Amino acid sequence: QLQLVESGGGLVQPGGSLTLSCASVGENLDRYAIEWFRQAPGKGREEREGVSCISSSGYNIDYPDSVKGRFTLSRDHAKNTVSLQMNNLKPEDTGVYYCAALRVGVCVAVSLDAYVWGQGTQVTVSS
């Protein structure tokens, strides 16, 4: 059974950078689309915002306008990991970041229940 483990969160000043990583335990990630979600402080699970998504092939990557040009998502099939490079971070980027896997392999709008979720990693952008 697929299990996801995120790492790389922390406290950073505005304008700083962080790299989040998502690794799998028990199953290869190759067949899954991987999406990163952000849950802002005070928001519930259903309000998680997708901040990037990469297809199983790696050829298709989507970003919302709020992070476009600042976040870069990539996957390493050999290492079985997906990384989210976040630059020029802003206070509104603060939240718990979740890695989520979608078996269909493409980035599509589906119910949150369709994903396999990691436990989340906290990112705080503050001076």
Foldseek 3Di string as FASTA:
>chain_A
DKAKAKDWADEAAQQAKIKMKIAIPPDFQLQWKKWKWFAAPPGDPQPTHTAKIAFSVRPDMDGDPVQPPFWDWGDDRVRRMIMIIGGRDDQRRWGWMKMWIANNRDDDDDDPVRTRIYPTDGHGHHD
